[in-house]
Amino acid sequence: EEESKSLRRRDERSGEIWAMKNDGIVIEGNKGYLEAQIKSGWDPAHVNQLVAEENHDRRILYEAEATASARAVTVIEEEAGRRLRQQAYGRKPEPKTEPVKP
């Protein structure tokens, strides 16, 4: 029940979150949560409230996934952080390769 409410709230605010990401007002942190980078032209109180609400809903979902998968919530947060950063910034980490030996 709580997870479906969180998903619904995240869906309702997703357009504004993406607008803030595109303007560089918020960034995806490496632990799966948004971080505010407030710039002029944006209401700091509104940005901070939206970030807090989004992060609260993410935490609910991460905890539910951790319980369902019997893994630590910190693992879920790190996985989400990698996934969300890739989605937001469109770059995948370069694969680590060994140098070719002659």
Protein backbone atom coordinates (compact mmCIF):
# COMPACT_ATOMS: atom_id res chain seq x y z
CA GLU A 1 0.00 0.00 0.00
CA GLU A 2 2.65 2.51 1.05
CA GLU A 3 4.81 1.57 -1.94
CA SER A 4 1.97 2.22 -4.40
CA LYS A 5 1.34 5.63 -2.80
CA SER A 6 5.04 6.44 -3.13
CA LEU A 7 5.05 5.40 -6.78
CA ARG A 8 1.97 7.53 -7.47
CA ARG A 9 3.48 10.59 -5.79
CA ARG A 10 6.76 10.13 -7.68
CA ASP A 11 4.84 9.89 -10.95
CA GLU A 12 2.90 13.08 -10.14
CA ARG A 13 6.07 15.09 -9.51
CA SER A 14 8.26 13.51 -12.21
CA GLY A 15 7.77 16.30 -14.76
CA GLU A 16 8.93 18.96 -12.34
CA ILE A 17 11.83 16.79 -11.15
CA TRP A 18 13.03 16.34 -14.75
CA ALA A 19 12.72 20.07 -15.40
CA MET A 20 14.88 20.75 -12.35
CA LYS A 21 17.41 18.11 -13.45
CA ASN A 22 17.56 19.65 -16.93
CA ASP A 23 18.18 23.09 -15.40
CA GLY A 24 20.85 21.71 -13.07
CA ILE A 25 18.82 22.61 -9.99
CA VAL A 26 18.92 19.05 -8.69
CA ILE A 27 21.33 16.24 -9.40
CA GLU A 28 21.21 12.51 -8.87
CA GLY A 29 23.54 11.63 -6.02
CA ASN A 30 25.49 8.40 -6.01
CA LYS A 31 23.39 6.92 -3.18
CA GLY A 32 20.08 7.00 -5.04
CA TYR A 33 18.79 10.33 -3.74
CA LEU A 34 18.41 13.79 -5.24
CA GLU A 35 20.67 16.63 -4.16
CA ALA A 36 19.63 20.27 -4.49
CA GLN A 37 21.94 22.66 -6.36
CA ILE A 38 19.79 25.78 -6.11
CA LYS A 39 20.35 28.54 -8.65
CA SER A 40 18.71 31.90 -9.12
CA GLY A 41 15.27 31.86 -10.63
CA TRP A 42 14.10 28.96 -8.48
CA ASP A 43 12.38 29.17 -5.10
CA PRO A 44 14.77 27.45 -2.65
CA ALA A 45 11.97 26.44 -0.28
CA HIS A 46 10.02 24.79 -3.09
CA VAL A 47 13.06 23.00 -4.47
CA ASN A 48 14.11 21.72 -1.05
CA GLN A 49 10.57 20.56 -0.26
CA LEU A 50 10.26 18.70 -3.56
CA VAL A 51 13.67 17.08 -3.10
CA ALA A 52 12.75 16.01 0.46
CA GLU A 53 9.43 14.53 -0.70
CA GLU A 54 11.08 12.67 -3.59
CA ASN A 55 13.84 11.32 -1.38
CA HIS A 56 11.30 10.22 1.25
CA ASP A 57 9.36 8.24 -1.37
CA ARG A 58 12.54 6.75 -2.77
CA ARG A 59 13.54 5.62 0.72
CA ILE A 60 10.18 3.84 1.16
CA LEU A 61 10.70 2.00 -2.13
CA TYR A 62 14.33 1.13 -1.38
CA GLU A 63 13.38 -0.28 2.01
CA ALA A 64 10.61 -2.37 0.46
CA GLU A 65 13.00 -3.73 -2.17
CA ALA A 66 15.61 -4.49 0.49
CA THR A 67 13.07 -6.42 2.53
CA ALA A 68 11.77 -8.33 -0.50
CA SER A 69 15.26 -9.25 -1.71
CA ALA A 70 16.82 -9.85 1.74
CA ARG A 71 19.58 -7.34 0.97
CA ALA A 72 20.79 -4.29 2.85
CA VAL A 73 19.08 -1.01 2.00
CA THR A 74 22.53 0.53 1.38
CA VAL A 75 23.08 -1.95 -1.46
CA ILE A 76 19.72 -1.00 -2.99
CA GLU A 77 20.55 2.70 -2.64
CA GLU A 78 23.90 2.28 -4.40
CA GLU A 79 22.34 0.27 -7.23
CA ALA A 80 19.61 2.89 -7.63
CA GLY A 81 22.21 5.66 -7.57
CA ARG A 82 24.11 4.10 -10.48
CA ARG A 83 20.92 3.43 -12.45
CA LEU A 84 19.41 6.88 -11.88
CA ARG A 85 22.66 8.68 -12.74
CA GLN A 86 22.90 6.72 -15.99
CA GLN A 87 19.30 7.59 -16.84
CA ALA A 88 19.73 11.25 -15.95
CA TYR A 89 23.05 11.87 -17.60
CA GLY A 90 22.98 9.32 -20.43
CA ARG A 91 26.45 7.94 -19.88
CA LYS A 92 27.45 4.53 -18.79
CA PRO A 93 30.71 4.04 -16.99
CA GLU A 94 33.54 3.03 -19.23
CA PRO A 95 34.28 -0.69 -18.92
CA LYS A 96 37.56 -1.51 -17.27
CA THR A 97 39.77 -3.38 -19.67
CA GLU A 98 43.21 -4.82 -19.39
CA PRO A 99 45.80 -3.58 -21.86
CA VAL A 100 46.32 -5.87 -24.81
CA LYS A 101 49.60 -7.70 -24.51
CA PRO A 102 51.62 -8.20 -27.72
